[in-house]
């Protein structure tokens, strides 16, 4: 049970990293488009 909880935490951490990555990528594209 403890192992599955750890895996779930890693999964949400991975999702968070992906979200941050896409937000930064989107901001870069917006910045390039406006300049």
PDB file of N, CA and C in Angstrom:
ATOM      1  N   UNK A   1       0.843  -1.210   0.000  1.00  0.00           N
ATOM      2  CA  UNK A   1       0.000   0.000   0.000  1.00  0.00           C
ATOM      3  C   UNK A   1       0.873   1.253   0.000  1.00  0.00           C
ATOM      4  N   UNK A   2       1.930   1.220   0.784  1.00  0.00           N
ATOM      5  CA  UNK A   2       2.819   2.379   0.867  1.00  0.00           C
ATOM      6  C   UNK A   2       3.520   2.625  -0.474  1.00  0.00           C
ATOM      7  N   UNK A   3       3.821   1.528  -1.161  1.00  0.00           N
ATOM      8  CA  UNK A   3       4.509   1.656  -2.447  1.00  0.00           C
ATOM      9  C   UNK A   3       3.602   2.311  -3.500  1.00  0.00           C
ATOM     10  N   UNK A   4       2.326   1.928  -3.521  1.00  0.00           N
ATOM     11  CA  UNK A   4       1.396   2.518  -4.489  1.00  0.00           C
ATOM     12  C   UNK A   4       1.184   4.006  -4.197  1.00  0.00           C
ATOM     13  N   UNK A   5       1.192   4.375  -2.926  1.00  0.00           N
ATOM     14  CA  UNK A   5       1.056   5.785  -2.548  1.00  0.00           C
ATOM     15  C   UNK A   5       2.252   6.575  -3.072  1.00  0.00           C
ATOM     16  N   UNK A   6       3.440   5.981  -2.958  1.00  0.00           N
ATOM     17  CA  UNK A   6       4.655   6.643  -3.441  1.00  0.00           C
ATOM     18  C   UNK A   6       4.590   6.813  -4.957  1.00  0.00           C
ATOM     19  N   UNK A   7       4.099   5.788  -5.649  1.00  0.00           N
ATOM     20  CA  UNK A   7       3.988   5.858  -7.105  1.00  0.00           C
ATOM     21  C   UNK A   7       2.997   6.953  -7.505  1.00  0.00           C
ATOM     22  N   UNK A   8       1.900   7.071  -6.754  1.00  0.00           N
ATOM     23  CA  UNK A   8       0.906   8.109  -7.039  1.00  0.00           C
ATOM     24  C   UNK A   8       1.527   9.494  -6.866  1.00  0.00           C
ATOM     25  N   UNK A   9       2.345   9.664  -5.832  1.00  0.00           N
ATOM     26  CA  UNK A   9       3.017  10.941  -5.585  1.00  0.00           C
ATOM     27  C   UNK A   9       3.961  11.263  -6.745  1.00  0.00           C
ATOM     28  N   UNK A  10       4.701  10.255  -7.200  1.00  0.00           N
ATOM     29  CA  UNK A  10       5.614  10.468  -8.321  1.00  0.00           C
ATOM     30  C   UNK A  10       4.833  10.843  -9.584  1.00  0.00           C
ATOM     31  N   UNK A  11       3.672  10.236  -9.776  1.00  0.00           N
ATOM     32  CA  UNK A  11       2.853  10.524 -10.951  1.00  0.00           C
ATOM     33  C   UNK A  11       2.362  11.965 -10.932  1.00  0.00           C
ATOM     34  N   UNK A  12       1.871  12.423  -9.772  1.00  0.00           N
ATOM     35  CA  UNK A  12       1.393  13.803  -9.706  1.00  0.00           C
ATOM     36  C   UNK A  12       2.546  14.786  -9.826  1.00  0.00           C
ATOM     37  N   UNK A  13       3.718  14.411  -9.328  1.00  0.00           N
ATOM     38  CA  UNK A  13       4.892  15.274  -9.469  1.00  0.00           C
ATOM     39  C   UNK A  13       5.267  15.385 -10.943  1.00  0.00           C
ATOM     40  N   UNK A  14       5.203  14.260 -11.662  1.00  0.00           N
ATOM     41  CA  UNK A  14       5.505  14.263 -13.094  1.00  0.00           C
ATOM     42  C   UNK A  14       4.499  15.128 -13.852  1.00  0.00           C
ATOM     43  N   UNK A  15       3.217  15.001 -13.496  1.00  0.00           N
ATOM     44  CA  UNK A  15       2.189  15.837 -14.129  1.00  0.00           C
ATOM     45  C   UNK A  15       2.456  17.309 -13.872  1.00  0.00           C
ATOM     46  N   UNK A  16       2.859  17.647 -12.642  1.00  0.00           N
ATOM     47  CA  UNK A  16       3.156  19.039 -12.291  1.00  0.00           C
ATOM     48  C   UNK A  16       4.313  19.573 -13.131  1.00  0.00           C
ATOM     49  N   UNK A  17       5.365  18.764 -13.286  1.00  0.00           N
ATOM     50  CA  UNK A  17       6.524  19.169 -14.087  1.00  0.00           C
ATOM     51  C   UNK A  17       6.111  19.390 -15.542  1.00  0.00           C
ATOM     52  N   UNK A  18       5.272  18.495 -16.075  1.00  0.00           N
ATOM     53  CA  UNK A  18       4.806  18.647 -17.453  1.00  0.00           C
ATOM     54  C   UNK A  18       3.984  19.920 -17.625  1.00  0.00           C
ATOM     55  N   UNK A  19       3.125  20.219 -16.651  1.00  0.00           N
ATOM     56  CA  UNK A  19       2.308  21.438 -16.708  1.00  0.00           C
ATOM     57  C   UNK A  19       3.202  22.670 -16.712  1.00  0.00           C
ATOM     58  N   UNK A  20       4.192  22.695 -15.816  1.00  0.00           N
ATOM     59  CA  UNK A  20       5.114  23.830 -15.748  1.00  0.00           C
ATOM     60  C   UNK A  20       5.871  23.973 -17.067  1.00  0.00           C
ATOM     61  N   UNK A  21       6.311  22.829 -17.626  1.00  0.00           N
ATOM     62  CA  UNK A  21       7.037  22.846 -18.890  1.00  0.00           C
ATOM     63  C   UNK A  21       6.190  23.453 -20.006  1.00  0.00           C
ATOM     64  N   UNK A  22       4.928  23.018 -20.096  1.00  0.00           N
ATOM     65  CA  UNK A  22       4.052  23.536 -21.144  1.00  0.00           C
ATOM     66  C   UNK A  22       3.719  25.005 -20.943  1.00  0.00           C
ATOM     67  N   UNK A  23       3.570  25.441 -19.693  1.00  0.00           N
ATOM     68  CA  UNK A  23       3.299  26.855 -19.414  1.00  0.00           C
ATOM     69  C   UNK A  23       4.487  27.714 -19.844  1.00  0.00           C
ATOM     70  N   UNK A  24       5.693  27.284 -19.500  1.00  0.00           N
ATOM     71  CA  UNK A  24       6.900  28.018 -19.895  1.00  0.00           C
ATOM     72  C   UNK A  24       7.027  28.040 -21.414  1.00  0.00           C
ATOM     73  N   UNK A  25       6.756  26.900 -22.054  1.00  0.00           N
ATOM     74  CA  UNK A  25       6.815  26.824 -23.510  1.00  0.00           C
ATOM     75  C   UNK A  25       5.797  27.775 -24.142  1.00  0.00           C
ATOM     76  N   UNK A  26       4.586  27.800 -23.607  1.00  0.00           N
ATOM     77  CA  UNK A  26       3.546  28.696 -24.116  1.00  0.00           C
ATOM     78  C   UNK A  26       3.955  30.155 -23.933  1.00  0.00           C
ATOM     79  N   UNK A  27       4.517  30.495 -22.780  1.00  0.00           N
ATOM     80  CA  UNK A  27       4.965  31.869 -22.539  1.00  0.00           C
ATOM     81  C   UNK A  27       6.070  32.254 -23.514  1.00  0.00           C
ATOM     82  N   UNK A  28       6.972  31.315 -23.808  1.00  0.00           N
ATOM     83  CA  UNK A  28       8.037  31.591 -24.772  1.00  0.00           C
ATOM     84  C   UNK A  28       7.459  31.837 -26.166  1.00  0.00           C
ATOM     85  N   UNK A  29       6.477  31.030 -26.563  1.00  0.00           N
ATOM     86  CA  UNK A  29       5.850  31.206 -27.874  1.00  0.00           C
ATOM     87  C   UNK A  29       5.108  32.537 -27.947  1.00  0.00           C
ATOM     88  N   UNK A  30       4.416  32.904 -26.870  1.00  0.00           N
ATOM     89  CA  UNK A  30       3.705  34.189 -26.822  1.00  0.00           C
ATOM     90  C   UNK A  30       4.714  35.340 -26.898  1.00  0.00           C
ATOM     91  N   UNK A  31       5.818  35.198 -26.177  1.00  0.00           N
ATOM     92  CA  UNK A  31       6.859  36.226 -26.179  1.00  0.00           C
ATOM     93  C   UNK A  31       7.487  36.381 -27.555  1.00  0.00           C
ATOM     94  N   UNK A  32       7.735  35.256 -28.226  1.00  0.00           N
ATOM     95  CA  UNK A  32       8.313  35.319 -29.567  1.00  0.00           C
ATOM     96  C   UNK A  32       7.317  35.920 -30.554  1.00  0.00           C
ATOM     97  N   UNK A  33       6.043  35.558 -30.405  1.00  0.00           N
ATOM     98  CA  UNK A  33       5.018  36.055 -31.318  1.00  0.00           C
ATOM     99  C   UNK A  33       4.781  37.550 -31.175  1.00  0.00           C
ATOM    100  N   UNK A  34       4.882  38.066 -29.952  1.00  0.00           N
ATOM    101  CA  UNK A  34       4.596  39.486 -29.722  1.00  0.00           C
ATOM    102  C   UNK A  34       5.788  40.374 -30.074  1.00  0.00           C
ATOM    103  N   UNK A  35       6.998  39.804 -30.084  1.00  0.00           N
ATOM    104  CA  UNK A  35       8.192  40.611 -30.335  1.00  0.00           C
ATOM    105  C   UNK A  35       8.587  40.666 -31.806  1.00  0.00           C
TER     106      UNK A  35
END
